[in-house]
Amino acid sequence: AEAEGRVLLVHGKLARQQLMPKRFPFYNP
């Protein structure tokens, strides 16, 4: 995707599961 400077819509398979916080220490796939 060319997303820099744009609004990015994330959907479909990419948005099927909540993403764990980037620094969550106990579980981070």
Full PDB file with SEQRES, HELIX, SHEET, SSBOND, CRYST1, ORIGX, SCALE, CONECT and MASTER records, all heavy atoms in Angstrom:
SEQRES   1 A   29  ALA GLU ALA GLU GLY ARG VAL LEU LEU VAL HIS GLY LYS          
SEQRES   2 A   29  LEU ALA ARG GLN GLN LEU MET PRO LYS ARG PHE PRO PHE          
SEQRES   3 A   29  TYR ASN PRO                                                  
HELIX    1 AA1 GLY A   12  ALA A   15  5                                   4    
CRYST1    1.000    1.000    1.000  90.00  90.00  90.00 P 1           1          
ORIGX1      1.000000  0.000000  0.000000        0.00000                         
ORIGX2      0.000000  1.000000  0.000000        0.00000                         
ORIGX3      0.000000  0.000000  1.000000        0.00000                         
SCALE1      1.000000  0.000000  0.000000        0.00000                         
SCALE2      0.000000  1.000000  0.000000        0.00000                         
SCALE3      0.000000  0.000000  1.000000        0.00000                         
ATOM      1  N   ALA A   1       0.821  -1.218   0.000  1.00  0.00           N  
ATOM      2  CA  ALA A   1       0.000   0.000   0.000  1.00  0.00           C  
ATOM      3  C   ALA A   1       0.853   1.267   0.000  1.00  0.00           C  
ATOM      4  O   ALA A   1       1.903   1.325   0.641  1.00  0.00           O  
ATOM      5  CB  ALA A   1      -0.922  -0.006   1.216  1.00  0.00           C  
ATOM      6  N   GLU A   2       0.386   2.265  -0.725  1.00  0.00           N  
ATOM      7  CA  GLU A   2       0.972   3.603  -0.665  1.00  0.00           C  
ATOM      8  C   GLU A   2       0.116   4.418   0.301  1.00  0.00           C  
ATOM      9  O   GLU A   2      -0.891   4.993  -0.072  1.00  0.00           O  
ATOM     10  CB  GLU A   2       0.999   4.240  -2.049  1.00  0.00           C  
ATOM     11  CG  GLU A   2       1.894   3.502  -3.036  1.00  0.00           C  
ATOM     12  CD  GLU A   2       1.954   4.194  -4.383  1.00  0.00           C  
ATOM     13  OE1 GLU A   2       1.410   5.318  -4.498  1.00  0.00           O  
ATOM     14  OE2 GLU A   2       2.537   3.618  -5.319  1.00  0.00           O  
ATOM     15  N   ALA A   3       0.526   4.403   1.560  1.00  0.00           N  
ATOM     16  CA  ALA A   3      -0.314   4.967   2.615  1.00  0.00           C  
ATOM     17  C   ALA A   3       0.251   6.222   3.254  1.00  0.00           C  
ATOM     18  O   ALA A   3      -0.471   6.912   3.985  1.00  0.00           O  
ATOM     19  CB  ALA A   3      -0.542   3.920   3.705  1.00  0.00           C  
ATOM     20  N   GLU A   4       1.510   6.560   2.986  1.00  0.00           N  
ATOM     21  CA  GLU A   4       2.094   7.727   3.642  1.00  0.00           C  
ATOM     22  C   GLU A   4       1.337   8.996   3.241  1.00  0.00           C  
ATOM     23  O   GLU A   4       1.083   9.256   2.059  1.00  0.00           O  
ATOM     24  CB  GLU A   4       3.568   7.873   3.271  1.00  0.00           C  
ATOM     25  CG  GLU A   4       4.246   9.023   3.996  1.00  0.00           C  
ATOM     26  CD  GLU A   4       5.752   9.037   3.820  1.00  0.00           C  
ATOM     27  OE1 GLU A   4       6.294   8.094   3.199  1.00  0.00           O  
ATOM     28  OE2 GLU A   4       6.382   9.995   4.293  1.00  0.00           O  
ATOM     29  N   GLY A   5       0.944   9.766   4.261  1.00  0.00           N  
ATOM     30  CA  GLY A   5       0.197  10.993   4.013  1.00  0.00           C  
ATOM     31  C   GLY A   5      -1.248  10.765   3.630  1.00  0.00           C  
ATOM     32  O   GLY A   5      -1.936  11.698   3.191  1.00  0.00           O  
ATOM     33  N   ARG A   6      -1.743   9.537   3.776  1.00  0.00           N  
ATOM     34  CA  ARG A   6      -3.120   9.205   3.432  1.00  0.00           C  
ATOM     35  C   ARG A   6      -3.840   8.630   4.661  1.00  0.00           C  
ATOM     36  O   ARG A   6      -3.218   8.295   5.669  1.00  0.00           O  
ATOM     37  CB  ARG A   6      -3.160   8.190   2.292  1.00  0.00           C  
ATOM     38  CG  ARG A   6      -2.450   8.672   1.038  1.00  0.00           C  
ATOM     39  CD  ARG A   6      -2.546   7.666  -0.081  1.00  0.00           C  
ATOM     40  NE  ARG A   6      -1.840   8.140  -1.272  1.00  0.00           N  
ATOM     41  CZ  ARG A   6      -1.824   7.532  -2.452  1.00  0.00           C  
ATOM     42  NH1 ARG A   6      -2.507   6.386  -2.598  1.00  0.00           N  
ATOM     43  NH2 ARG A   6      -1.162   8.038  -3.469  1.00  0.00           N  
ATOM     44  N   VAL A   7      -5.134   8.497   4.554  1.00  0.00           N  
ATOM     45  CA  VAL A   7      -5.918   7.789   5.575  1.00  0.00           C  
ATOM     46  C   VAL A   7      -6.010   6.329   5.131  1.00  0.00           C  
ATOM     47  O   VAL A   7      -6.409   6.046   3.998  1.00  0.00           O  
ATOM     48  CB  VAL A   7      -7.316   8.409   5.730  1.00  0.00           C  
ATOM     49  CG1 VAL A   7      -8.159   7.583   6.705  1.00  0.00           C  
ATOM     50  CG2 VAL A   7      -7.216   9.852   6.212  1.00  0.00           C  
ATOM     51  N   LEU A   8      -5.624   5.419   6.015  1.00  0.00           N  
ATOM     52  CA  LEU A   8      -5.557   3.998   5.664  1.00  0.00           C  
ATOM     53  C   LEU A   8      -6.734   3.240   6.252  1.00  0.00           C  
ATOM     54  O   LEU A   8      -6.918   3.216   7.472  1.00  0.00           O  
ATOM     55  CB  LEU A   8      -4.244   3.396   6.171  1.00  0.00           C  
ATOM     56  CG  LEU A   8      -4.070   1.882   5.976  1.00  0.00           C  
ATOM     57  CD1 LEU A   8      -4.067   1.513   4.500  1.00  0.00           C  
ATOM     58  CD2 LEU A   8      -2.795   1.398   6.659  1.00  0.00           C  
ATOM     59  N   LEU A   9      -7.525   2.603   5.400  1.00  0.00           N  
ATOM     60  CA  LEU A   9      -8.592   1.699   5.833  1.00  0.00           C  
ATOM     61  C   LEU A   9      -8.041   0.287   5.898  1.00  0.00           C  
ATOM     62  O   LEU A   9      -7.528  -0.246   4.912  1.00  0.00           O  
ATOM     63  CB  LEU A   9      -9.769   1.750   4.864  1.00  0.00           C  
ATOM     64  CG  LEU A   9     -10.856   0.678   5.082  1.00  0.00           C  
ATOM     65  CD1 LEU A   9     -11.551   0.870   6.424  1.00  0.00           C  
ATOM     66  CD2 LEU A   9     -11.869   0.688   3.940  1.00  0.00           C  
ATOM     67  N   VAL A  10      -8.151  -0.342   7.056  1.00  0.00           N  
ATOM     68  CA  VAL A  10      -7.736  -1.726   7.264  1.00  0.00           C  
ATOM     69  C   VAL A  10      -9.002  -2.567   7.431  1.00  0.00           C  
ATOM     70  O   VAL A  10      -9.854  -2.246   8.275  1.00  0.00           O  
ATOM     71  CB  VAL A  10      -6.826  -1.842   8.504  1.00  0.00           C  
ATOM     72  CG1 VAL A  10      -6.450  -3.285   8.750  1.00  0.00           C  
ATOM     73  CG2 VAL A  10      -5.582  -0.981   8.334  1.00  0.00           C  
ATOM     74  N   HIS A  11      -9.145  -3.628   6.670  1.00  0.00           N  
ATOM     75  CA  HIS A  11     -10.374  -4.443   6.721  1.00  0.00           C  
ATOM     76  C   HIS A  11     -10.042  -5.883   6.387  1.00  0.00           C  
ATOM     77  O   HIS A  11      -8.873  -6.265   6.270  1.00  0.00           O  
ATOM     78  CB  HIS A  11     -11.422  -3.865   5.746  1.00  0.00           C  
ATOM     79  CG  HIS A  11     -11.067  -4.070   4.304  1.00  0.00           C  
ATOM     80  ND1 HIS A  11     -11.821  -4.834   3.446  1.00  0.00           N  
ATOM     81  CD2 HIS A  11     -10.010  -3.628   3.563  1.00  0.00           C  
ATOM     82  CE1 HIS A  11     -11.289  -4.843   2.248  1.00  0.00           C  
ATOM     83  NE2 HIS A  11     -10.175  -4.106   2.284  1.00  0.00           N  
ATOM     84  N   GLY A  12     -11.067  -6.713   6.278  1.00  0.00           N  
ATOM     85  CA  GLY A  12     -10.896  -8.098   5.847  1.00  0.00           C  
ATOM     86  C   GLY A  12     -10.010  -8.915   6.771  1.00  0.00           C  
ATOM     87  O   GLY A  12     -10.060  -8.772   7.992  1.00  0.00           O  
ATOM     88  N   LYS A  13      -9.176  -9.786   6.181  1.00  0.00           N  
ATOM     89  CA  LYS A  13      -8.324 -10.668   6.965  1.00  0.00           C  
ATOM     90  C   LYS A  13      -7.377  -9.881   7.866  1.00  0.00           C  
ATOM     91  O   LYS A  13      -7.018 -10.342   8.954  1.00  0.00           O  
ATOM     92  CB  LYS A  13      -7.516 -11.577   6.036  1.00  0.00           C  
ATOM     93  CG  LYS A  13      -8.344 -12.602   5.283  1.00  0.00           C  
ATOM     94  CD  LYS A  13      -7.449 -13.483   4.426  1.00  0.00           C  
ATOM     95  CE  LYS A  13      -8.267 -14.531   3.678  1.00  0.00           C  
ATOM     96  NZ  LYS A  13      -7.403 -15.392   2.820  1.00  0.00           N  
ATOM     97  N   LEU A  14      -6.971  -8.715   7.421  1.00  0.00           N  
ATOM     98  CA  LEU A  14      -6.025  -7.915   8.195  1.00  0.00           C  
ATOM     99  C   LEU A  14      -6.641  -7.400   9.487  1.00  0.00           C  
ATOM    100  O   LEU A  14      -5.922  -7.072  10.432  1.00  0.00           O  
ATOM    101  CB  LEU A  14      -5.542  -6.739   7.344  1.00  0.00           C  
ATOM    102  CG  LEU A  14      -4.272  -6.013   7.766  1.00  0.00           C  
ATOM    103  CD1 LEU A  14      -3.090  -6.965   7.847  1.00  0.00           C  
ATOM    104  CD2 LEU A  14      -3.977  -4.871   6.803  1.00  0.00           C  
ATOM    105  N   ALA A  15      -7.967  -7.356   9.552  1.00  0.00           N  
ATOM    106  CA  ALA A  15      -8.658  -6.810  10.723  1.00  0.00           C  
ATOM    107  C   ALA A  15      -9.532  -7.850  11.402  1.00  0.00           C  
ATOM    108  O   ALA A  15     -10.479  -7.508  12.097  1.00  0.00           O  
ATOM    109  CB  ALA A  15      -9.510  -5.599  10.307  1.00  0.00           C  
ATOM    110  N   ARG A  16      -9.178  -9.119  11.234  1.00  0.00           N  
ATOM    111  CA  ARG A  16     -10.038 -10.164  11.801  1.00  0.00           C  
ATOM    112  C   ARG A  16      -9.826 -10.352  13.299  1.00  0.00           C  
ATOM    113  O   ARG A  16     -10.662 -10.933  13.986  1.00  0.00           O  
ATOM    114  CB  ARG A  16      -9.804 -11.492  11.098  1.00  0.00           C  
ATOM    115  CG  ARG A  16      -8.461 -12.155  11.393  1.00  0.00           C  
ATOM    116  CD  ARG A  16      -8.274 -13.444  10.612  1.00  0.00           C  
ATOM    117  NE  ARG A  16      -7.064 -14.149  10.968  1.00  0.00           N  
ATOM    118  CZ  ARG A  16      -5.865 -13.891  10.479  1.00  0.00           C  
ATOM    119  NH1 ARG A  16      -5.737 -12.905   9.583  1.00  0.00           N  
ATOM    120  NH2 ARG A  16      -4.809 -14.579  10.852  1.00  0.00           N  
ATOM    121  N   GLN A  17      -8.684  -9.883  13.829  1.00  0.00           N  
ATOM    122  CA  GLN A  17      -8.351 -10.120  15.230  1.00  0.00           C  
ATOM    123  C   GLN A  17      -7.743  -8.863  15.823  1.00  0.00           C  
ATOM    124  O   GLN A  17      -6.954  -8.170  15.180  1.00  0.00           O  
ATOM    125  CB  GLN A  17      -7.353 -11.279  15.331  1.00  0.00           C  
ATOM    126  CG  GLN A  17      -7.086 -11.751  16.747  1.00  0.00           C  
ATOM    127  CD  GLN A  17      -6.170 -12.966  16.761  1.00  0.00           C  
ATOM    128  OE1 GLN A  17      -5.040 -12.911  16.279  1.00  0.00           O  
ATOM    129  NE2 GLN A  17      -6.645 -14.073  17.325  1.00  0.00           N  
ATOM    130  N   GLN A  18      -8.134  -8.557  17.070  1.00  0.00           N  
ATOM    131  CA  GLN A  18      -7.548  -7.407  17.740  1.00  0.00           C  
ATOM    132  C   GLN A  18      -6.046  -7.603  17.901  1.00  0.00           C  
ATOM    133  O   GLN A  18      -5.587  -8.673  18.286  1.00  0.00           O  
ATOM    134  CB  GLN A  18      -8.197  -7.186  19.109  1.00  0.00           C  
ATOM    135  CG  GLN A  18      -7.761  -5.892  19.781  1.00  0.00           C  
ATOM    136  CD  GLN A  18      -8.497  -5.647  21.084  1.00  0.00           C  
ATOM    137  OE1 GLN A  18      -8.472  -6.480  21.979  1.00  0.00           O  
ATOM    138  NE2 GLN A  18      -9.159  -4.506  21.181  1.00  0.00           N  
ATOM    139  N   LEU A  19      -5.284  -6.555  17.615  1.00  0.00           N  
ATOM    140  CA  LEU A  19      -3.831  -6.634  17.712  1.00  0.00           C  
ATOM    141  C   LEU A  19      -3.392  -6.373  19.144  1.00  0.00           C  
ATOM    142  O   LEU A  19      -3.858  -5.426  19.781  1.00  0.00           O  
ATOM    143  CB  LEU A  19      -3.183  -5.605  16.776  1.00  0.00           C  
ATOM    144  CG  LEU A  19      -3.522  -5.755  15.292  1.00  0.00           C  
ATOM    145  CD1 LEU A  19      -2.880  -4.624  14.489  1.00  0.00           C  
ATOM    146  CD2 LEU A  19      -3.061  -7.115  14.757  1.00  0.00           C  
ATOM    147  N   MET A  20      -2.496  -7.204  19.627  1.00  0.00           N  
ATOM    148  CA  MET A  20      -1.986  -6.991  20.971  1.00  0.00           C  
ATOM    149  C   MET A  20      -1.151  -5.710  21.004  1.00  0.00           C  
ATOM    150  O   MET A  20      -0.453  -5.400  20.038  1.00  0.00           O  
ATOM    151  CB  MET A  20      -1.131  -8.177  21.418  1.00  0.00           C  
ATOM    152  CG  MET A  20      -1.908  -9.465  21.578  1.00  0.00           C  
ATOM    153  SD  MET A  20      -3.334  -9.329  22.681  1.00  0.00           S  
ATOM    154  CE  MET A  20      -2.527  -8.897  24.228  1.00  0.00           C  
ATOM    155  N   PRO A  21      -1.230  -4.947  22.100  1.00  0.00           N  
ATOM    156  CA  PRO A  21      -0.422  -3.734  22.212  1.00  0.00           C  
ATOM    157  C   PRO A  21       1.054  -4.038  21.983  1.00  0.00           C  
ATOM    158  O   PRO A  21       1.562  -5.101  22.369  1.00  0.00           O  
ATOM    159  CB  PRO A  21      -0.690  -3.267  23.639  1.00  0.00           C  
ATOM    160  CG  PRO A  21      -2.054  -3.817  23.960  1.00  0.00           C  
ATOM    161  CD  PRO A  21      -2.109  -5.140  23.264  1.00  0.00           C  
ATOM    162  N   LYS A  22       1.760  -3.104  21.376  1.00  0.00           N  
ATOM    163  CA  LYS A  22       3.111  -3.379  20.888  1.00  0.00           C  
ATOM    164  C   LYS A  22       4.084  -3.742  22.006  1.00  0.00           C  
ATOM    165  O   LYS A  22       5.048  -4.461  21.775  1.00  0.00           O  
ATOM    166  CB  LYS A  22       3.641  -2.183  20.088  1.00  0.00           C  
ATOM    167  CG  LYS A  22       3.639  -0.878  20.839  1.00  0.00           C  
ATOM    168  CD  LYS A  22       3.875   0.318  19.930  1.00  0.00           C  
ATOM    169  CE  LYS A  22       5.270   0.359  19.369  1.00  0.00           C  
ATOM    170  NZ  LYS A  22       5.512   1.598  18.596  1.00  0.00           N  
ATOM    171  N   ARG A  23       3.827  -3.257  23.229  1.00  0.00           N  
ATOM    172  CA  ARG A  23       4.734  -3.555  24.336  1.00  0.00           C  
ATOM    173  C   ARG A  23       4.095  -4.454  25.395  1.00  0.00           C  
ATOM    174  O   ARG A  23       4.586  -4.526  26.513  1.00  0.00           O  
ATOM    175  CB  ARG A  23       5.235  -2.253  24.975  1.00  0.00           C  
ATOM    176  CG  ARG A  23       6.098  -1.414  24.047  1.00  0.00           C  
ATOM    177  CD  ARG A  23       6.782  -0.260  24.773  1.00  0.00           C  
ATOM    178  NE  ARG A  23       7.636   0.484  23.865  1.00  0.00           N  
ATOM    179  CZ  ARG A  23       7.274   1.578  23.211  1.00  0.00           C  
ATOM    180  NH1 ARG A  23       6.066   2.066  23.374  1.00  0.00           N  
ATOM    181  NH2 ARG A  23       8.113   2.194  22.400  1.00  0.00           N  
ATOM    182  N   PHE A  24       3.018  -5.142  25.044  1.00  0.00           N  
ATOM    183  CA  PHE A  24       2.375  -6.023  26.018  1.00  0.00           C  
ATOM    184  C   PHE A  24       3.323  -7.170  26.348  1.00  0.00           C  
ATOM    185  O   PHE A  24       3.778  -7.894  25.444  1.00  0.00           O  
ATOM    186  CB  PHE A  24       1.059  -6.563  25.476  1.00  0.00           C  
ATOM    187  CG  PHE A  24       0.219  -7.254  26.508  1.00  0.00           C  
ATOM    188  CD1 PHE A  24      -0.465  -6.522  27.457  1.00  0.00           C  
ATOM    189  CD2 PHE A  24       0.132  -8.636  26.546  1.00  0.00           C  
ATOM    190  CE1 PHE A  24      -1.243  -7.154  28.425  1.00  0.00           C  
ATOM    191  CE2 PHE A  24      -0.636  -9.280  27.501  1.00  0.00           C  
ATOM    192  CZ  PHE A  24      -1.322  -8.531  28.444  1.00  0.00           C  
ATOM    193  N   PRO A  25       3.647  -7.382  27.630  1.00  0.00           N  
ATOM    194  CA  PRO A  25       4.749  -8.286  27.960  1.00  0.00           C  
ATOM    195  C   PRO A  25       4.406  -9.766  28.023  1.00  0.00           C  
ATOM    196  O   PRO A  25       5.304 -10.607  27.959  1.00  0.00           O  
ATOM    197  CB  PRO A  25       5.180  -7.788  29.341  1.00  0.00           C  
ATOM    198  CG  PRO A  25       3.921  -7.260  29.956  1.00  0.00           C  
ATOM    199  CD  PRO A  25       3.143  -6.669  28.817  1.00  0.00           C  
ATOM    200  N   PHE A  26       3.133 -10.119  28.165  1.00  0.00           N  
ATOM    201  CA  PHE A  26       2.793 -11.500  28.495  1.00  0.00           C  
ATOM    202  C   PHE A  26       2.343 -12.344  27.306  1.00  0.00           C  
ATOM    203  O   PHE A  26       2.391 -13.571  27.357  1.00  0.00           O  
ATOM    204  CB  PHE A  26       1.720 -11.521  29.579  1.00  0.00           C  
ATOM    205  CG  PHE A  26       2.108 -10.758  30.819  1.00  0.00           C  
ATOM    206  CD1 PHE A  26       1.352  -9.686  31.258  1.00  0.00           C  
ATOM    207  CD2 PHE A  26       3.245 -11.104  31.536  1.00  0.00           C  
ATOM    208  CE1 PHE A  26       1.702  -8.975  32.396  1.00  0.00           C  
ATOM    209  CE2 PHE A  26       3.606 -10.411  32.674  1.00  0.00           C  
ATOM    210  CZ  PHE A  26       2.835  -9.338  33.111  1.00  0.00           C  
ATOM    211  N   TYR A  27       1.854 -11.692  26.246  1.00  0.00           N  
ATOM    212  CA  TYR A  27       1.374 -12.424  25.067  1.00  0.00           C  
ATOM    213  C   TYR A  27       1.434 -11.468  23.892  1.00  0.00           C  
ATOM    214  O   TYR A  27       0.784 -10.426  23.896  1.00  0.00           O  
ATOM    215  CB  TYR A  27      -0.055 -12.919  25.284  1.00  0.00           C  
ATOM    216  CG  TYR A  27      -0.712 -13.493  24.042  1.00  0.00           C  
ATOM    217  CD1 TYR A  27      -0.337 -14.743  23.556  1.00  0.00           C  
ATOM    218  CD2 TYR A  27      -1.696 -12.785  23.356  1.00  0.00           C  
ATOM    219  CE1 TYR A  27      -0.937 -15.276  22.418  1.00  0.00           C  
ATOM    220  CE2 TYR A  27      -2.304 -13.311  22.218  1.00  0.00           C  
ATOM    221  CZ  TYR A  27      -1.914 -14.554  21.757  1.00  0.00           C  
ATOM    222  OH  TYR A  27      -2.496 -15.075  20.627  1.00  0.00           O  
ATOM    223  N   ASN A  28       2.238 -11.808  22.873  1.00  0.00           N  
ATOM    224  CA  ASN A  28       2.395 -10.895  21.744  1.00  0.00           C  
ATOM    225  C   ASN A  28       2.815 -11.688  20.508  1.00  0.00           C  
ATOM    226  O   ASN A  28       3.999 -11.816  20.216  1.00  0.00           O  
ATOM    227  CB  ASN A  28       3.433  -9.813  22.065  1.00  0.00           C  
ATOM    228  CG  ASN A  28       3.106  -8.501  21.385  1.00  0.00           C  
ATOM    229  OD1 ASN A  28       2.611  -8.502  20.266  1.00  0.00           O  
ATOM    230  ND2 ASN A  28       3.377  -7.400  22.058  1.00  0.00           N  
ATOM    231  N   PRO A  29       1.839 -12.213  19.754  1.00  0.00           N  
ATOM    232  CA  PRO A  29       2.164 -13.054  18.599  1.00  0.00           C  
ATOM    233  C   PRO A  29       3.011 -12.312  17.568  1.00  0.00           C  
ATOM    234  O   PRO A  29       2.835 -11.108  17.348  1.00  0.00           O  
ATOM    235  CB  PRO A  29       0.786 -13.410  18.031  1.00  0.00           C  
ATOM    236  CG  PRO A  29      -0.174 -13.189  19.145  1.00  0.00           C  
ATOM    237  CD  PRO A  29       0.395 -12.077  19.957  1.00  0.00           C  
TER     238      PRO A  29                                                      
MASTER        0    0    0    1    0    0    0    6  237    1    0    3          
END                                                                             
